[in-house]
């Protein structure tokens, strides 16, 4: 009899080749259990980004999606995960949400481009839309930034924790 421990965790990992999606890949490798986890690496070719390009440029751009998901899949397989890949066309947030629902994803992992203010208002935010409309859990991973301080687990964070531990407690 198979129990809850035998259940498969299905993760949809959305990638676009940016440093933000690379951070999402690193987060999955660092945080997720290999056994019993299936990862679908999804890249969405944004339809609106192709207008105005000559046909040759469009064809070259279209070749990048399969190369990207293959490279990410190889990283994940080397780390011990079961991996499938998919490249689709459309609006990224919609494709991520719909694919997660169709494939029965338990978790969506994607990077945040950190858009704020006017840029977010004008262009929207894929991660915010996914968080607001997905039918499963969503993890949004931010790339390390010098403005936000040391990366988790880095020397700066460890020194800060040590300093707090040694600080006297006042009544």
C-alpha atoms as a PDB file:
ATOM      1  CA  UNK A   1       0.000   0.000   0.000  1.00  0.00           C
ATOM      2  CA  UNK A   2       1.421   3.356  -1.011  1.00  0.00           C
ATOM      3  CA  UNK A   3       1.208   6.121   1.535  1.00  0.00           C
ATOM      4  CA  UNK A   4       1.737   9.863   1.628  1.00  0.00           C
ATOM      5  CA  UNK A   5       5.502   9.328   1.772  1.00  0.00           C
ATOM      6  CA  UNK A   6       5.358   7.657  -1.651  1.00  0.00           C
ATOM      7  CA  UNK A   7       3.566  10.615  -3.257  1.00  0.00           C
ATOM      8  CA  UNK A   8       5.309  12.442  -6.068  1.00  0.00           C
ATOM      9  CA  UNK A   9       6.009  16.157  -5.676  1.00  0.00           C
ATOM     10  CA  UNK A  10       5.449  17.909  -9.008  1.00  0.00           C
ATOM     11  CA  UNK A  11       7.307  21.189  -9.471  1.00  0.00           C
ATOM     12  CA  UNK A  12       6.934  23.530 -12.405  1.00  0.00           C
ATOM     13  CA  UNK A  13      10.133  25.557 -12.763  1.00  0.00           C
ATOM     14  CA  UNK A  14       9.629  28.548 -15.064  1.00  0.00           C
ATOM     15  CA  UNK A  15      12.826  29.831 -16.694  1.00  0.00           C
ATOM     16  CA  UNK A  16      13.679  32.671 -19.049  1.00  0.00           C
ATOM     17  CA  UNK A  17      17.473  32.631 -19.054  1.00  0.00           C
ATOM     18  CA  UNK A  18      17.817  35.647 -16.758  1.00  0.00           C
ATOM     19  CA  UNK A  19      19.872  35.793 -13.569  1.00  0.00           C
ATOM     20  CA  UNK A  20      16.530  35.670 -11.742  1.00  0.00           C
ATOM     21  CA  UNK A  21      15.541  32.333 -13.242  1.00  0.00           C
ATOM     22  CA  UNK A  22      19.081  31.038 -12.599  1.00  0.00           C
ATOM     23  CA  UNK A  23      18.493  31.905  -8.926  1.00  0.00           C
ATOM     24  CA  UNK A  24      15.251  29.887  -9.077  1.00  0.00           C
ATOM     25  CA  UNK A  25      17.139  26.884 -10.482  1.00  0.00           C
ATOM     26  CA  UNK A  26      19.729  27.145  -7.693  1.00  0.00           C
ATOM     27  CA  UNK A  27      16.927  27.390  -5.109  1.00  0.00           C
ATOM     28  CA  UNK A  28      15.277  24.196  -6.367  1.00  0.00           C
ATOM     29  CA  UNK A  29      18.586  22.331  -6.277  1.00  0.00           C
ATOM     30  CA  UNK A  30      19.353  23.590  -2.763  1.00  0.00           C
ATOM     31  CA  UNK A  31      15.899  23.188  -1.209  1.00  0.00           C
ATOM     32  CA  UNK A  32      14.101  20.254  -2.806  1.00  0.00           C
ATOM     33  CA  UNK A  33      14.329  16.563  -2.041  1.00  0.00           C
ATOM     34  CA  UNK A  34      15.452  14.543  -5.053  1.00  0.00           C
ATOM     35  CA  UNK A  35      13.587  11.329  -4.339  1.00  0.00           C
ATOM     36  CA  UNK A  36       9.959  11.495  -5.364  1.00  0.00           C
ATOM     37  CA  UNK A  37      10.260  14.895  -7.052  1.00  0.00           C
ATOM     38  CA  UNK A  38       9.455  15.509 -10.707  1.00  0.00           C
ATOM     39  CA  UNK A  39      10.370  18.850 -12.227  1.00  0.00           C
ATOM     40  CA  UNK A  40       8.884  20.311 -15.389  1.00  0.00           C
ATOM     41  CA  UNK A  41      11.176  23.019 -16.766  1.00  0.00           C
ATOM     42  CA  UNK A  42       8.995  25.483 -18.693  1.00  0.00           C
ATOM     43  CA  UNK A  43      10.106  28.311 -20.959  1.00  0.00           C
ATOM     44  CA  UNK A  44       7.464  30.548 -22.522  1.00  0.00           C
ATOM     45  CA  UNK A  45       8.188  32.310 -25.800  1.00  0.00           C
ATOM     46  CA  UNK A  46       6.394  35.585 -25.257  1.00  0.00           C
ATOM     47  CA  UNK A  47       4.269  36.368 -28.303  1.00  0.00           C
ATOM     48  CA  UNK A  48       4.424  40.133 -27.829  1.00  0.00           C
ATOM     49  CA  UNK A  49       8.229  40.123 -27.889  1.00  0.00           C
ATOM     50  CA  UNK A  50       8.403  38.903 -31.489  1.00  0.00           C
ATOM     51  CA  UNK A  51       6.679  41.776 -33.272  1.00  0.00           C
ATOM     52  CA  UNK A  52       8.958  43.986 -35.322  1.00  0.00           C
ATOM     53  CA  UNK A  53      11.743  41.407 -35.706  1.00  0.00           C
ATOM     54  CA  UNK A  54      12.832  40.191 -39.151  1.00  0.00           C
ATOM     55  CA  UNK A  55      11.948  36.539 -39.829  1.00  0.00           C
ATOM     56  CA  UNK A  56      15.607  35.372 -39.467  1.00  0.00           C
ATOM     57  CA  UNK A  57      15.950  37.029 -36.039  1.00  0.00           C
ATOM     58  CA  UNK A  58      12.674  35.475 -34.914  1.00  0.00           C
ATOM     59  CA  UNK A  59      13.814  32.021 -36.017  1.00  0.00           C
ATOM     60  CA  UNK A  60      17.106  32.423 -34.110  1.00  0.00           C
ATOM     61  CA  UNK A  61      15.278  33.665 -31.009  1.00  0.00           C
ATOM     62  CA  UNK A  62      12.936  30.654 -31.166  1.00  0.00           C
ATOM     63  CA  UNK A  63      15.940  28.301 -31.045  1.00  0.00           C
ATOM     64  CA  UNK A  64      16.973  29.678 -27.644  1.00  0.00           C
ATOM     65  CA  UNK A  65      14.008  28.249 -25.678  1.00  0.00           C
ATOM     66  CA  UNK A  66      14.811  24.573 -26.341  1.00  0.00           C
ATOM     67  CA  UNK A  67      18.513  25.193 -25.665  1.00  0.00           C
ATOM     68  CA  UNK A  68      17.666  26.916 -22.367  1.00  0.00           C
ATOM     69  CA  UNK A  69      15.343  24.200 -21.048  1.00  0.00           C
ATOM     70  CA  UNK A  70      17.819  21.502 -22.106  1.00  0.00           C
ATOM     71  CA  UNK A  71      20.656  23.223 -20.210  1.00  0.00           C
ATOM     72  CA  UNK A  72      18.521  23.643 -17.065  1.00  0.00           C
ATOM     73  CA  UNK A  73      17.283  20.044 -17.314  1.00  0.00           C
ATOM     74  CA  UNK A  74      20.882  18.805 -17.487  1.00  0.00           C
ATOM     75  CA  UNK A  75      21.729  20.788 -14.320  1.00  0.00           C
ATOM     76  CA  UNK A  76      18.753  19.306 -12.498  1.00  0.00           C
ATOM     77  CA  UNK A  77      19.419  15.753 -13.690  1.00  0.00           C
ATOM     78  CA  UNK A  78      23.043  16.070 -12.567  1.00  0.00           C
ATOM     79  CA  UNK A  79      21.668  17.036  -9.137  1.00  0.00           C
ATOM     80  CA  UNK A  80      19.529  13.852  -9.082  1.00  0.00           C
ATOM     81  CA  UNK A  81      16.077  15.068 -10.166  1.00  0.00           C
ATOM     82  CA  UNK A  82      13.598  13.533 -12.610  1.00  0.00           C
ATOM     83  CA  UNK A  83      13.066  16.215 -15.261  1.00  0.00           C
ATOM     84  CA  UNK A  84      10.794  16.944 -18.212  1.00  0.00           C
ATOM     85  CA  UNK A  85      10.924  20.036 -20.425  1.00  0.00           C
ATOM     86  CA  UNK A  86       8.415  22.157 -22.285  1.00  0.00           C
ATOM     87  CA  UNK A  87       8.649  25.256 -24.464  1.00  0.00           C
ATOM     88  CA  UNK A  88       5.358  27.001 -25.178  1.00  0.00           C
ATOM     89  CA  UNK A  89       4.143  30.195 -26.825  1.00  0.00           C
ATOM     90  CA  UNK A  90       1.962  32.812 -25.216  1.00  0.00           C
ATOM     91  CA  UNK A  91       1.723  35.222 -22.342  1.00  0.00           C
ATOM     92  CA  UNK A  92       4.123  33.951 -19.643  1.00  0.00           C
ATOM     93  CA  UNK A  93       1.893  34.261 -16.569  1.00  0.00           C
ATOM     94  CA  UNK A  94      -1.068  32.603 -18.311  1.00  0.00           C
ATOM     95  CA  UNK A  95       1.070  29.788 -19.709  1.00  0.00           C
ATOM     96  CA  UNK A  96       2.697  29.125 -16.325  1.00  0.00           C
ATOM     97  CA  UNK A  97      -0.660  29.043 -14.513  1.00  0.00           C
ATOM     98  CA  UNK A  98      -2.377  26.918 -17.179  1.00  0.00           C
ATOM     99  CA  UNK A  99       0.515  24.459 -17.510  1.00  0.00           C
ATOM    100  CA  UNK A 100       0.718  24.043 -13.730  1.00  0.00           C
ATOM    101  CA  UNK A 101      -2.997  23.232 -13.609  1.00  0.00           C
ATOM    102  CA  UNK A 102      -2.846  20.857 -16.603  1.00  0.00           C
ATOM    103  CA  UNK A 103       0.172  18.986 -15.223  1.00  0.00           C
ATOM    104  CA  UNK A 104      -1.046  18.840 -11.612  1.00  0.00           C
ATOM    105  CA  UNK A 105       1.857  20.868 -10.221  1.00  0.00           C
ATOM    106  CA  UNK A 106       2.143  21.058  -6.440  1.00  0.00           C
ATOM    107  CA  UNK A 107       4.545  23.990  -6.603  1.00  0.00           C
ATOM    108  CA  UNK A 108       5.569  26.652  -9.098  1.00  0.00           C
ATOM    109  CA  UNK A 109       9.063  28.127  -8.744  1.00  0.00           C
ATOM    110  CA  UNK A 110      10.063  31.226 -10.685  1.00  0.00           C
ATOM    111  CA  UNK A 111      12.400  34.154 -10.400  1.00  0.00           C
ATOM    112  CA  UNK A 112      11.371  37.706  -9.662  1.00  0.00           C
ATOM    113  CA  UNK A 113      12.700  40.451 -11.873  1.00  0.00           C
ATOM    114  CA  UNK A 114      12.171  42.909  -9.031  1.00  0.00           C
ATOM    115  CA  UNK A 115      10.122  45.375 -11.034  1.00  0.00           C
ATOM    116  CA  UNK A 116       8.595  48.089  -8.934  1.00  0.00           C
ATOM    117  CA  UNK A 117       6.707  51.347  -9.140  1.00  0.00           C
ATOM    118  CA  UNK A 118       5.865  52.632 -12.600  1.00  0.00           C
ATOM    119  CA  UNK A 119       7.564  49.781 -14.473  1.00  0.00           C
ATOM    120  CA  UNK A 120       5.451  47.202 -12.640  1.00  0.00           C
ATOM    121  CA  UNK A 121       2.306  49.250 -13.207  1.00  0.00           C
ATOM    122  CA  UNK A 122       2.955  49.650 -16.943  1.00  0.00           C
ATOM    123  CA  UNK A 123       4.351  46.199 -17.731  1.00  0.00           C
ATOM    124  CA  UNK A 124       2.819  44.047 -15.043  1.00  0.00           C
ATOM    125  CA  UNK A 125       4.607  41.370 -13.100  1.00  0.00           C
ATOM    126  CA  UNK A 126       4.619  37.746 -14.157  1.00  0.00           C
ATOM    127  CA  UNK A 127       5.448  36.564 -10.644  1.00  0.00           C
ATOM    128  CA  UNK A 128       2.712  38.708  -9.043  1.00  0.00           C
ATOM    129  CA  UNK A 129       0.131  37.424 -11.519  1.00  0.00           C
ATOM    130  CA  UNK A 130       1.186  33.811 -10.960  1.00  0.00           C
ATOM    131  CA  UNK A 131       1.061  34.226  -7.166  1.00  0.00           C
ATOM    132  CA  UNK A 132      -2.388  35.801  -7.394  1.00  0.00           C
ATOM    133  CA  UNK A 133      -3.952  33.249  -9.725  1.00  0.00           C
ATOM    134  CA  UNK A 134      -2.170  29.897  -9.440  1.00  0.00           C
ATOM    135  CA  UNK A 135      -4.083  26.973  -8.031  1.00  0.00           C
ATOM    136  CA  UNK A 136      -1.034  25.684  -6.146  1.00  0.00           C
ATOM    137  CA  UNK A 137       1.791  27.008  -3.987  1.00  0.00           C
ATOM    138  CA  UNK A 138       4.228  29.436  -5.597  1.00  0.00           C
ATOM    139  CA  UNK A 139       7.801  30.240  -4.607  1.00  0.00           C
ATOM    140  CA  UNK A 140       9.199  33.468  -6.016  1.00  0.00           C
ATOM    141  CA  UNK A 141      12.996  33.572  -5.837  1.00  0.00           C
ATOM    142  CA  UNK A 142      14.875  36.849  -5.850  1.00  0.00           C
ATOM    143  CA  UNK A 143      18.414  36.981  -7.160  1.00  0.00           C
ATOM    144  CA  UNK A 144      21.014  38.128  -4.622  1.00  0.00           C
ATOM    145  CA  UNK A 145      21.605  41.859  -4.734  1.00  0.00           C
ATOM    146  CA  UNK A 146      24.278  44.039  -3.175  1.00  0.00           C
ATOM    147  CA  UNK A 147      21.515  46.406  -2.066  1.00  0.00           C
ATOM    148  CA  UNK A 148      19.775  43.698  -0.027  1.00  0.00           C
ATOM    149  CA  UNK A 149      22.879  42.635   1.851  1.00  0.00           C
ATOM    150  CA  UNK A 150      24.551  39.241   2.097  1.00  0.00           C
ATOM    151  CA  UNK A 151      23.125  36.169   0.446  1.00  0.00           C
ATOM    152  CA  UNK A 152      21.497  33.591   2.682  1.00  0.00           C
ATOM    153  CA  UNK A 153      24.091  31.378   4.292  1.00  0.00           C
ATOM    154  CA  UNK A 154      26.944  33.635   3.189  1.00  0.00           C
ATOM    155  CA  UNK A 155      29.797  34.816   5.400  1.00  0.00           C
ATOM    156  CA  UNK A 156      28.038  38.136   6.048  1.00  0.00           C
ATOM    157  CA  UNK A 157      24.894  36.426   7.319  1.00  0.00           C
ATOM    158  CA  UNK A 158      26.873  34.013   9.491  1.00  0.00           C
ATOM    159  CA  UNK A 159      28.854  36.884  11.022  1.00  0.00           C
ATOM    160  CA  UNK A 160      25.626  38.787  11.715  1.00  0.00           C
ATOM    161  CA  UNK A 161      24.073  35.730  13.398  1.00  0.00           C
ATOM    162  CA  UNK A 162      27.193  35.211  15.524  1.00  0.00           C
ATOM    163  CA  UNK A 163      27.135  38.868  16.567  1.00  0.00           C
ATOM    164  CA  UNK A 164      23.473  38.600  17.602  1.00  0.00           C
ATOM    165  CA  UNK A 165      24.141  35.385  19.520  1.00  0.00           C
ATOM    166  CA  UNK A 166      26.913  37.023  21.544  1.00  0.00           C
ATOM    167  CA  UNK A 167      24.957  40.190  22.286  1.00  0.00           C
ATOM    168  CA  UNK A 168      23.920  40.446  25.941  1.00  0.00           C
ATOM    169  CA  UNK A 169      20.227  40.241  26.654  1.00  0.00           C
ATOM    170  CA  UNK A 170      18.843  43.172  28.645  1.00  0.00           C
ATOM    171  CA  UNK A 171      15.826  42.965  30.907  1.00  0.00           C
END
